[in-house]
């Protein structure tokens, strides 16, 4: 693809509260912002509250040069999540329930080159129904970031998400969960075969990543970095990988680009 890729991200916008300090985030937003920085025509479909945090979201999106046409205001509060870091700087999340991103509705009917979604925004019936409608109406490729959080998922929702996806990113811990959930061998090709995936990206923290596509598997080592926080590093990986993939680069180039941007974000603190 030689033209600028058009990519739409669907799902939560929220504030990560890390050691008492709020950081604008949410995996779909992190992904969209990082894609925009890579050079993609990226936007997000989401919902935020009619509250000061919602105002802050719009101010930040304008600063990032992001299109806000499909970020709607809601009478529900803007999402927040309290993040605590363990000794290895790996985050643990506690999410606000029944907030604006649980009530995403949209009239979006564009023609993107890629449509991206995750698992968390499917915890509510309203947002889940909106996503299902977009799955059925859009003629494009789909990217699914498994991104499991707390108990906000089910086997059926994950199965539907995998079956609709062309490209999937999953970390090593989530991979073990899904292999057990679907009774799969612990080999990425088993998952690509079961769900008909074009690309499966398995991120492995300090061990880099493995990318499986059409019978081929490549490994890319992690970029060494002094980790401040891994919050948002997976989203940064996805952004760089997807941008280069849609531009037609070979898998090792895409994987190396993903690892490089993930390391940069892990070393800075705050997802964006």
C-alpha atoms as a PDB file:
ATOM      1  CA  UNK A   1       0.000   0.000   0.000  1.00  0.00           C
ATOM      2  CA  UNK A   2       1.584   3.248  -1.139  1.00  0.00           C
ATOM      3  CA  UNK A   3      -1.134   5.654   0.015  1.00  0.00           C
ATOM      4  CA  UNK A   4      -1.525   6.768   3.611  1.00  0.00           C
ATOM      5  CA  UNK A   5      -3.404   3.963   5.403  1.00  0.00           C
ATOM      6  CA  UNK A   6      -6.777   4.870   6.873  1.00  0.00           C
ATOM      7  CA  UNK A   7      -7.239   3.148  10.234  1.00  0.00           C
ATOM      8  CA  UNK A   8     -10.134   3.342  12.681  1.00  0.00           C
ATOM      9  CA  UNK A   9      -9.860   2.255  16.296  1.00  0.00           C
ATOM     10  CA  UNK A  10     -12.956   1.338  18.324  1.00  0.00           C
ATOM     11  CA  UNK A  11     -13.346   1.284  22.093  1.00  0.00           C
ATOM     12  CA  UNK A  12     -12.462   2.831  25.397  1.00  0.00           C
ATOM     13  CA  UNK A  13     -11.016   6.243  26.109  1.00  0.00           C
ATOM     14  CA  UNK A  14     -10.107   6.497  29.776  1.00  0.00           C
ATOM     15  CA  UNK A  15      -7.627   7.917  32.243  1.00  0.00           C
ATOM     16  CA  UNK A  16      -4.969   5.637  33.735  1.00  0.00           C
ATOM     17  CA  UNK A  17      -4.368   6.812  37.304  1.00  0.00           C
ATOM     18  CA  UNK A  18      -0.790   5.744  38.040  1.00  0.00           C
ATOM     19  CA  UNK A  19       0.567   6.504  41.514  1.00  0.00           C
ATOM     20  CA  UNK A  20      -2.162   9.133  41.846  1.00  0.00           C
ATOM     21  CA  UNK A  21      -1.339  10.858  38.564  1.00  0.00           C
ATOM     22  CA  UNK A  22      -3.888  10.717  35.705  1.00  0.00           C
ATOM     23  CA  UNK A  23      -2.652   9.822  32.217  1.00  0.00           C
ATOM     24  CA  UNK A  24      -4.941   9.882  29.208  1.00  0.00           C
ATOM     25  CA  UNK A  25      -5.127   6.404  27.723  1.00  0.00           C
ATOM     26  CA  UNK A  26      -7.196   3.365  26.920  1.00  0.00           C
ATOM     27  CA  UNK A  27      -5.743   0.847  24.471  1.00  0.00           C
ATOM     28  CA  UNK A  28      -7.837   1.963  21.450  1.00  0.00           C
ATOM     29  CA  UNK A  29      -6.861   5.600  21.995  1.00  0.00           C
ATOM     30  CA  UNK A  30      -3.206   4.764  22.608  1.00  0.00           C
ATOM     31  CA  UNK A  31      -3.229   2.812  19.358  1.00  0.00           C
ATOM     32  CA  UNK A  32      -4.905   5.590  17.369  1.00  0.00           C
ATOM     33  CA  UNK A  33      -2.557   8.303  18.644  1.00  0.00           C
ATOM     34  CA  UNK A  34       0.533   6.216  17.975  1.00  0.00           C
ATOM     35  CA  UNK A  35      -0.753   5.339  14.492  1.00  0.00           C
ATOM     36  CA  UNK A  36      -1.270   9.047  13.819  1.00  0.00           C
ATOM     37  CA  UNK A  37       2.324   9.709  14.872  1.00  0.00           C
ATOM     38  CA  UNK A  38       3.532   6.955  12.556  1.00  0.00           C
ATOM     39  CA  UNK A  39       1.879   8.736   9.631  1.00  0.00           C
ATOM     40  CA  UNK A  40      -1.470   6.951   9.320  1.00  0.00           C
ATOM     41  CA  UNK A  41      -4.823   8.664   8.865  1.00  0.00           C
ATOM     42  CA  UNK A  42      -6.061   7.396  12.246  1.00  0.00           C
ATOM     43  CA  UNK A  43      -9.252   8.115  14.172  1.00  0.00           C
ATOM     44  CA  UNK A  44     -11.219   6.636  17.048  1.00  0.00           C
ATOM     45  CA  UNK A  45     -14.847   5.737  17.710  1.00  0.00           C
ATOM     46  CA  UNK A  46     -15.594   6.161  21.408  1.00  0.00           C
ATOM     47  CA  UNK A  47     -17.584   7.995  24.077  1.00  0.00           C
ATOM     48  CA  UNK A  48     -16.574  10.235  26.980  1.00  0.00           C
ATOM     49  CA  UNK A  49     -18.553  12.003  29.675  1.00  0.00           C
ATOM     50  CA  UNK A  50     -19.954  15.503  29.858  1.00  0.00           C
ATOM     51  CA  UNK A  51     -17.485  16.172  32.643  1.00  0.00           C
ATOM     52  CA  UNK A  52     -14.075  17.805  33.157  1.00  0.00           C
ATOM     53  CA  UNK A  53     -12.259  14.611  32.174  1.00  0.00           C
ATOM     54  CA  UNK A  54     -14.293  14.506  28.966  1.00  0.00           C
ATOM     55  CA  UNK A  55     -13.305  18.107  28.269  1.00  0.00           C
ATOM     56  CA  UNK A  56      -9.679  17.146  28.836  1.00  0.00           C
ATOM     57  CA  UNK A  57     -10.033  14.316  26.309  1.00  0.00           C
ATOM     58  CA  UNK A  58     -11.206  16.677  23.569  1.00  0.00           C
ATOM     59  CA  UNK A  59      -8.447  19.176  24.344  1.00  0.00           C
ATOM     60  CA  UNK A  60      -5.837  16.436  24.134  1.00  0.00           C
ATOM     61  CA  UNK A  61      -7.234  14.980  20.901  1.00  0.00           C
ATOM     62  CA  UNK A  62      -7.124  18.394  19.262  1.00  0.00           C
ATOM     63  CA  UNK A  63      -3.525  18.766  20.449  1.00  0.00           C
ATOM     64  CA  UNK A  64      -2.670  15.402  18.901  1.00  0.00           C
ATOM     65  CA  UNK A  65      -4.354  16.416  15.642  1.00  0.00           C
ATOM     66  CA  UNK A  66      -6.940  13.659  15.980  1.00  0.00           C
ATOM     67  CA  UNK A  67     -10.367  13.718  14.336  1.00  0.00           C
ATOM     68  CA  UNK A  68     -13.042  13.917  17.061  1.00  0.00           C
ATOM     69  CA  UNK A  69     -16.060  13.426  14.796  1.00  0.00           C
ATOM     70  CA  UNK A  70     -16.822   9.979  16.226  1.00  0.00           C
ATOM     71  CA  UNK A  71     -16.021  10.663  19.871  1.00  0.00           C
ATOM     72  CA  UNK A  72     -19.440  11.296  21.382  1.00  0.00           C
ATOM     73  CA  UNK A  73     -20.373  12.927  24.700  1.00  0.00           C
ATOM     74  CA  UNK A  74     -22.351  10.852  27.169  1.00  0.00           C
ATOM     75  CA  UNK A  75     -24.282  11.403  30.382  1.00  0.00           C
ATOM     76  CA  UNK A  76     -22.185   8.592  31.871  1.00  0.00           C
ATOM     77  CA  UNK A  77     -18.802   9.520  33.423  1.00  0.00           C
ATOM     78  CA  UNK A  78     -15.550   9.377  31.505  1.00  0.00           C
ATOM     79  CA  UNK A  79     -13.779   6.091  32.136  1.00  0.00           C
ATOM     80  CA  UNK A  80     -10.985   5.773  34.678  1.00  0.00           C
ATOM     81  CA  UNK A  81      -8.751   2.918  35.788  1.00  0.00           C
ATOM     82  CA  UNK A  82      -6.457   2.794  38.789  1.00  0.00           C
ATOM     83  CA  UNK A  83      -3.126   1.255  37.790  1.00  0.00           C
ATOM     84  CA  UNK A  84      -0.663  -0.254  40.254  1.00  0.00           C
ATOM     85  CA  UNK A  85       2.758  -1.508  39.191  1.00  0.00           C
ATOM     86  CA  UNK A  86       4.486  -4.596  40.561  1.00  0.00           C
ATOM     87  CA  UNK A  87       8.233  -4.889  41.139  1.00  0.00           C
ATOM     88  CA  UNK A  88       8.752  -5.628  37.427  1.00  0.00           C
ATOM     89  CA  UNK A  89       6.733  -2.490  36.511  1.00  0.00           C
ATOM     90  CA  UNK A  90       3.921  -4.665  35.115  1.00  0.00           C
ATOM     91  CA  UNK A  91       0.502  -3.028  35.616  1.00  0.00           C
ATOM     92  CA  UNK A  92      -2.580  -4.271  37.462  1.00  0.00           C
ATOM     93  CA  UNK A  93      -5.855  -2.502  36.644  1.00  0.00           C
ATOM     94  CA  UNK A  94      -9.041  -1.604  38.556  1.00  0.00           C
ATOM     95  CA  UNK A  95     -11.722  -0.240  36.207  1.00  0.00           C
ATOM     96  CA  UNK A  96     -14.646   2.104  36.798  1.00  0.00           C
ATOM     97  CA  UNK A  97     -17.896   0.336  35.911  1.00  0.00           C
ATOM     98  CA  UNK A  98     -20.733   1.625  33.727  1.00  0.00           C
ATOM     99  CA  UNK A  99     -18.935   4.608  32.247  1.00  0.00           C
ATOM    100  CA  UNK A 100     -19.102   6.435  28.931  1.00  0.00           C
ATOM    101  CA  UNK A 101     -17.205   3.850  26.845  1.00  0.00           C
ATOM    102  CA  UNK A 102     -19.797   1.248  27.870  1.00  0.00           C
ATOM    103  CA  UNK A 103     -22.308   3.286  25.848  1.00  0.00           C
ATOM    104  CA  UNK A 104     -20.632   3.760  22.470  1.00  0.00           C
ATOM    105  CA  UNK A 105     -23.036   4.431  19.619  1.00  0.00           C
ATOM    106  CA  UNK A 106     -22.033   5.718  16.189  1.00  0.00           C
ATOM    107  CA  UNK A 107     -23.206   6.399  12.678  1.00  0.00           C
ATOM    108  CA  UNK A 108     -19.756   5.630  11.258  1.00  0.00           C
ATOM    109  CA  UNK A 109     -19.940   4.199   7.740  1.00  0.00           C
ATOM    110  CA  UNK A 110     -16.500   4.897   6.287  1.00  0.00           C
ATOM    111  CA  UNK A 111     -14.195   2.722   4.224  1.00  0.00           C
ATOM    112  CA  UNK A 112     -11.009   2.245   6.282  1.00  0.00           C
ATOM    113  CA  UNK A 113      -8.080   0.061   5.323  1.00  0.00           C
ATOM    114  CA  UNK A 114      -8.146  -1.456   8.806  1.00  0.00           C
ATOM    115  CA  UNK A 115     -10.612  -1.492  11.698  1.00  0.00           C
ATOM    116  CA  UNK A 116      -9.226  -2.170  15.185  1.00  0.00           C
ATOM    117  CA  UNK A 117     -10.968  -3.390  18.324  1.00  0.00           C
ATOM    118  CA  UNK A 118     -10.254  -5.054  21.655  1.00  0.00           C
ATOM    119  CA  UNK A 119     -12.012  -6.961  24.399  1.00  0.00           C
ATOM    120  CA  UNK A 120     -12.722  -4.495  27.231  1.00  0.00           C
ATOM    121  CA  UNK A 121     -15.257  -2.338  25.359  1.00  0.00           C
ATOM    122  CA  UNK A 122     -17.313  -5.468  24.720  1.00  0.00           C
ATOM    123  CA  UNK A 123     -18.176  -5.834  28.419  1.00  0.00           C
ATOM    124  CA  UNK A 124     -21.405  -3.839  27.915  1.00  0.00           C
ATOM    125  CA  UNK A 125     -24.357  -4.693  25.706  1.00  0.00           C
ATOM    126  CA  UNK A 126     -24.553  -1.231  24.093  1.00  0.00           C
ATOM    127  CA  UNK A 127     -20.935  -1.001  22.925  1.00  0.00           C
ATOM    128  CA  UNK A 128     -20.864  -4.692  22.023  1.00  0.00           C
ATOM    129  CA  UNK A 129     -23.938  -4.292  19.809  1.00  0.00           C
ATOM    130  CA  UNK A 130     -22.359  -1.295  18.088  1.00  0.00           C
ATOM    131  CA  UNK A 131     -19.198  -3.273  17.398  1.00  0.00           C
ATOM    132  CA  UNK A 132     -21.188  -6.198  15.989  1.00  0.00           C
ATOM    133  CA  UNK A 133     -22.997  -3.851  13.624  1.00  0.00           C
ATOM    134  CA  UNK A 134     -19.685  -2.449  12.402  1.00  0.00           C
ATOM    135  CA  UNK A 135     -18.317  -5.970  11.888  1.00  0.00           C
ATOM    136  CA  UNK A 136     -21.276  -6.694   9.635  1.00  0.00           C
ATOM    137  CA  UNK A 137     -21.329  -3.395   7.738  1.00  0.00           C
ATOM    138  CA  UNK A 138     -17.655  -2.636   7.044  1.00  0.00           C
ATOM    139  CA  UNK A 139     -15.832  -4.200   4.116  1.00  0.00           C
ATOM    140  CA  UNK A 140     -12.270  -4.098   5.408  1.00  0.00           C
ATOM    141  CA  UNK A 141      -9.587  -5.961   7.316  1.00  0.00           C
ATOM    142  CA  UNK A 142      -9.928  -6.278  11.088  1.00  0.00           C
ATOM    143  CA  UNK A 143      -7.300  -6.141  13.843  1.00  0.00           C
ATOM    144  CA  UNK A 144      -8.063  -7.611  17.273  1.00  0.00           C
ATOM    145  CA  UNK A 145      -5.914  -6.837  20.300  1.00  0.00           C
ATOM    146  CA  UNK A 146      -6.974  -9.513  22.797  1.00  0.00           C
ATOM    147  CA  UNK A 147      -6.002  -7.310  25.763  1.00  0.00           C
ATOM    148  CA  UNK A 148      -7.752  -9.207  28.581  1.00  0.00           C
ATOM    149  CA  UNK A 149      -8.599  -7.144  31.664  1.00  0.00           C
ATOM    150  CA  UNK A 150      -9.818  -8.547  34.999  1.00  0.00           C
ATOM    151  CA  UNK A 151     -12.902 -10.680  34.321  1.00  0.00           C
ATOM    152  CA  UNK A 152     -14.321  -8.474  31.555  1.00  0.00           C
ATOM    153  CA  UNK A 153     -14.389 -11.226  28.951  1.00  0.00           C
ATOM    154  CA  UNK A 154     -15.969 -14.546  28.101  1.00  0.00           C
ATOM    155  CA  UNK A 155     -15.085 -17.459  25.853  1.00  0.00           C
ATOM    156  CA  UNK A 156     -17.907 -16.577  23.469  1.00  0.00           C
ATOM    157  CA  UNK A 157     -16.891 -12.926  23.095  1.00  0.00           C
ATOM    158  CA  UNK A 158     -13.285 -13.877  22.462  1.00  0.00           C
ATOM    159  CA  UNK A 159     -14.328 -16.542  19.972  1.00  0.00           C
ATOM    160  CA  UNK A 160     -16.469 -14.044  18.020  1.00  0.00           C
ATOM    161  CA  UNK A 161     -13.649 -11.501  18.095  1.00  0.00           C
ATOM    162  CA  UNK A 162     -11.113 -14.010  16.778  1.00  0.00           C
ATOM    163  CA  UNK A 163     -13.418 -15.246  14.035  1.00  0.00           C
ATOM    164  CA  UNK A 164     -13.961 -11.702  12.741  1.00  0.00           C
ATOM    165  CA  UNK A 165     -10.256 -10.819  12.868  1.00  0.00           C
ATOM    166  CA  UNK A 166      -7.623 -10.947  10.152  1.00  0.00           C
ATOM    167  CA  UNK A 167      -4.730  -9.801  12.371  1.00  0.00           C
ATOM    168  CA  UNK A 168      -4.499 -10.597  16.089  1.00  0.00           C
ATOM    169  CA  UNK A 169      -2.063  -9.415  18.747  1.00  0.00           C
ATOM    170  CA  UNK A 170      -1.797 -11.325  22.020  1.00  0.00           C
ATOM    171  CA  UNK A 171       0.766 -11.365  24.823  1.00  0.00           C
ATOM    172  CA  UNK A 172       2.278 -14.541  26.202  1.00  0.00           C
ATOM    173  CA  UNK A 173       0.107 -14.614  29.335  1.00  0.00           C
ATOM    174  CA  UNK A 174      -3.079 -14.128  27.313  1.00  0.00           C
ATOM    175  CA  UNK A 175      -1.902 -16.760  24.849  1.00  0.00           C
ATOM    176  CA  UNK A 176      -1.741 -19.331  27.652  1.00  0.00           C
ATOM    177  CA  UNK A 177      -5.257 -18.355  28.772  1.00  0.00           C
ATOM    178  CA  UNK A 178      -6.687 -18.757  25.268  1.00  0.00           C
ATOM    179  CA  UNK A 179      -4.895 -22.044  24.618  1.00  0.00           C
ATOM    180  CA  UNK A 180      -6.519 -23.420  27.758  1.00  0.00           C
ATOM    181  CA  UNK A 181      -9.881 -21.797  26.994  1.00  0.00           C
ATOM    182  CA  UNK A 182     -10.064 -23.273  23.476  1.00  0.00           C
ATOM    183  CA  UNK A 183      -8.087 -26.464  24.174  1.00  0.00           C
ATOM    184  CA  UNK A 184      -5.313 -25.516  21.734  1.00  0.00           C
ATOM    185  CA  UNK A 185      -1.676 -26.637  21.617  1.00  0.00           C
ATOM    186  CA  UNK A 186       0.711 -23.941  22.812  1.00  0.00           C
ATOM    187  CA  UNK A 187       1.842 -23.195  19.263  1.00  0.00           C
ATOM    188  CA  UNK A 188       0.743 -20.008  17.453  1.00  0.00           C
ATOM    189  CA  UNK A 189       0.000 -21.883  14.225  1.00  0.00           C
ATOM    190  CA  UNK A 190      -2.743 -23.811  16.037  1.00  0.00           C
ATOM    191  CA  UNK A 191      -4.553 -20.558  16.776  1.00  0.00           C
ATOM    192  CA  UNK A 192      -4.095 -19.169  13.273  1.00  0.00           C
ATOM    193  CA  UNK A 193      -5.486 -22.401  11.815  1.00  0.00           C
ATOM    194  CA  UNK A 194      -8.428 -22.670  14.226  1.00  0.00           C
ATOM    195  CA  UNK A 195      -9.643 -19.119  13.620  1.00  0.00           C
ATOM    196  CA  UNK A 196      -8.486 -18.507  10.047  1.00  0.00           C
ATOM    197  CA  UNK A 197      -6.111 -15.661  10.914  1.00  0.00           C
ATOM    198  CA  UNK A 198      -3.828 -14.008   8.377  1.00  0.00           C
ATOM    199  CA  UNK A 199      -1.382 -12.818  11.041  1.00  0.00           C
ATOM    200  CA  UNK A 200      -0.885 -13.706  14.710  1.00  0.00           C
ATOM    201  CA  UNK A 201       1.470 -11.522  16.744  1.00  0.00           C
ATOM    202  CA  UNK A 202       2.652 -13.012  20.028  1.00  0.00           C
ATOM    203  CA  UNK A 203       4.438 -10.463  22.221  1.00  0.00           C
ATOM    204  CA  UNK A 204       6.714 -11.867  24.905  1.00  0.00           C
ATOM    205  CA  UNK A 205       8.022  -8.873  26.872  1.00  0.00           C
ATOM    206  CA  UNK A 206      11.815  -9.083  27.244  1.00  0.00           C
ATOM    207  CA  UNK A 207      11.868 -12.009  24.809  1.00  0.00           C
ATOM    208  CA  UNK A 208      10.576  -9.880  21.942  1.00  0.00           C
ATOM    209  CA  UNK A 209       7.836 -11.193  19.688  1.00  0.00           C
ATOM    210  CA  UNK A 210       6.912 -14.007  17.313  1.00  0.00           C
ATOM    211  CA  UNK A 211       4.831 -13.303  14.232  1.00  0.00           C
ATOM    212  CA  UNK A 212       3.086 -16.132  12.389  1.00  0.00           C
ATOM    213  CA  UNK A 213       1.560 -15.653   8.943  1.00  0.00           C
ATOM    214  CA  UNK A 214       0.684 -18.120   6.184  1.00  0.00           C
ATOM    215  CA  UNK A 215       2.914 -20.893   7.517  1.00  0.00           C
ATOM    216  CA  UNK A 216       5.842 -18.573   8.219  1.00  0.00           C
ATOM    217  CA  UNK A 217       7.046 -17.554  11.693  1.00  0.00           C
ATOM    218  CA  UNK A 218       9.586 -14.844  12.454  1.00  0.00           C
ATOM    219  CA  UNK A 219      11.125 -13.814  15.776  1.00  0.00           C
ATOM    220  CA  UNK A 220      12.214 -10.279  16.620  1.00  0.00           C
ATOM    221  CA  UNK A 221      14.240  -9.647  19.804  1.00  0.00           C
ATOM    222  CA  UNK A 222      13.189  -6.971  22.273  1.00  0.00           C
ATOM    223  CA  UNK A 223      14.993  -3.643  22.318  1.00  0.00           C
ATOM    224  CA  UNK A 224      16.811  -3.234  25.671  1.00  0.00           C
ATOM    225  CA  UNK A 225      15.368  -0.425  27.794  1.00  0.00           C
ATOM    226  CA  UNK A 226      15.171   0.649  31.426  1.00  0.00           C
ATOM    227  CA  UNK A 227      11.473   0.108  32.021  1.00  0.00           C
ATOM    228  CA  UNK A 228       9.527   2.881  33.730  1.00  0.00           C
ATOM    229  CA  UNK A 229       6.086   1.400  32.959  1.00  0.00           C
ATOM    230  CA  UNK A 230       4.789  -1.076  30.403  1.00  0.00           C
ATOM    231  CA  UNK A 231       1.423   0.744  30.215  1.00  0.00           C
ATOM    232  CA  UNK A 232       0.757   1.432  26.534  1.00  0.00           C
ATOM    233  CA  UNK A 233       3.854  -0.336  25.243  1.00  0.00           C
ATOM    234  CA  UNK A 234       1.773  -3.078  23.630  1.00  0.00           C
ATOM    235  CA  UNK A 235      -0.376  -0.479  21.886  1.00  0.00           C
ATOM    236  CA  UNK A 236       2.759   1.253  20.622  1.00  0.00           C
ATOM    237  CA  UNK A 237       4.012  -2.073  19.293  1.00  0.00           C
ATOM    238  CA  UNK A 238       0.732  -2.607  17.449  1.00  0.00           C
ATOM    239  CA  UNK A 239       0.789   0.879  15.938  1.00  0.00           C
ATOM    240  CA  UNK A 240       4.274   0.567  14.476  1.00  0.00           C
ATOM    241  CA  UNK A 241       3.708  -3.008  13.316  1.00  0.00           C
ATOM    242  CA  UNK A 242       0.382  -2.237  11.636  1.00  0.00           C
ATOM    243  CA  UNK A 243       1.615   0.920   9.946  1.00  0.00           C
ATOM    244  CA  UNK A 244       4.561  -0.872   8.357  1.00  0.00           C
ATOM    245  CA  UNK A 245       2.457  -3.938   7.554  1.00  0.00           C
ATOM    246  CA  UNK A 246      -0.156  -1.884   5.712  1.00  0.00           C
ATOM    247  CA  UNK A 247       2.637  -0.136   3.826  1.00  0.00           C
ATOM    248  CA  UNK A 248       3.683  -3.560   2.512  1.00  0.00           C
ATOM    249  CA  UNK A 249       6.856  -4.103   4.547  1.00  0.00           C
ATOM    250  CA  UNK A 250       8.130  -7.624   5.248  1.00  0.00           C
ATOM    251  CA  UNK A 251       7.240  -9.228   8.587  1.00  0.00           C
ATOM    252  CA  UNK A 252      10.698  -8.847  10.215  1.00  0.00           C
ATOM    253  CA  UNK A 253      10.688  -5.110   9.423  1.00  0.00           C
ATOM    254  CA  UNK A 254       7.208  -4.743  10.918  1.00  0.00           C
ATOM    255  CA  UNK A 255       8.140  -6.707  14.041  1.00  0.00           C
ATOM    256  CA  UNK A 256      11.384  -4.775  14.580  1.00  0.00           C
ATOM    257  CA  UNK A 257       9.518  -1.475  14.239  1.00  0.00           C
ATOM    258  CA  UNK A 258       6.948  -2.644  16.782  1.00  0.00           C
ATOM    259  CA  UNK A 259       9.600  -3.643  19.308  1.00  0.00           C
ATOM    260  CA  UNK A 260      11.447  -0.361  18.889  1.00  0.00           C
ATOM    261  CA  UNK A 261       8.384   1.804  19.579  1.00  0.00           C
ATOM    262  CA  UNK A 262       7.256  -0.448  22.441  1.00  0.00           C
ATOM    263  CA  UNK A 263      10.642   0.005  24.117  1.00  0.00           C
ATOM    264  CA  UNK A 264      10.470   3.775  23.696  1.00  0.00           C
ATOM    265  CA  UNK A 265       7.078   3.935  25.416  1.00  0.00           C
ATOM    266  CA  UNK A 266       8.089   1.510  28.175  1.00  0.00           C
ATOM    267  CA  UNK A 267      11.006   3.796  28.999  1.00  0.00           C
ATOM    268  CA  UNK A 268       9.026   7.023  29.220  1.00  0.00           C
ATOM    269  CA  UNK A 269       6.140   6.379  31.645  1.00  0.00           C
ATOM    270  CA  UNK A 270       2.574   7.052  30.465  1.00  0.00           C
ATOM    271  CA  UNK A 271       1.127   5.464  27.344  1.00  0.00           C
ATOM    272  CA  UNK A 272       1.109   8.560  25.098  1.00  0.00           C
END
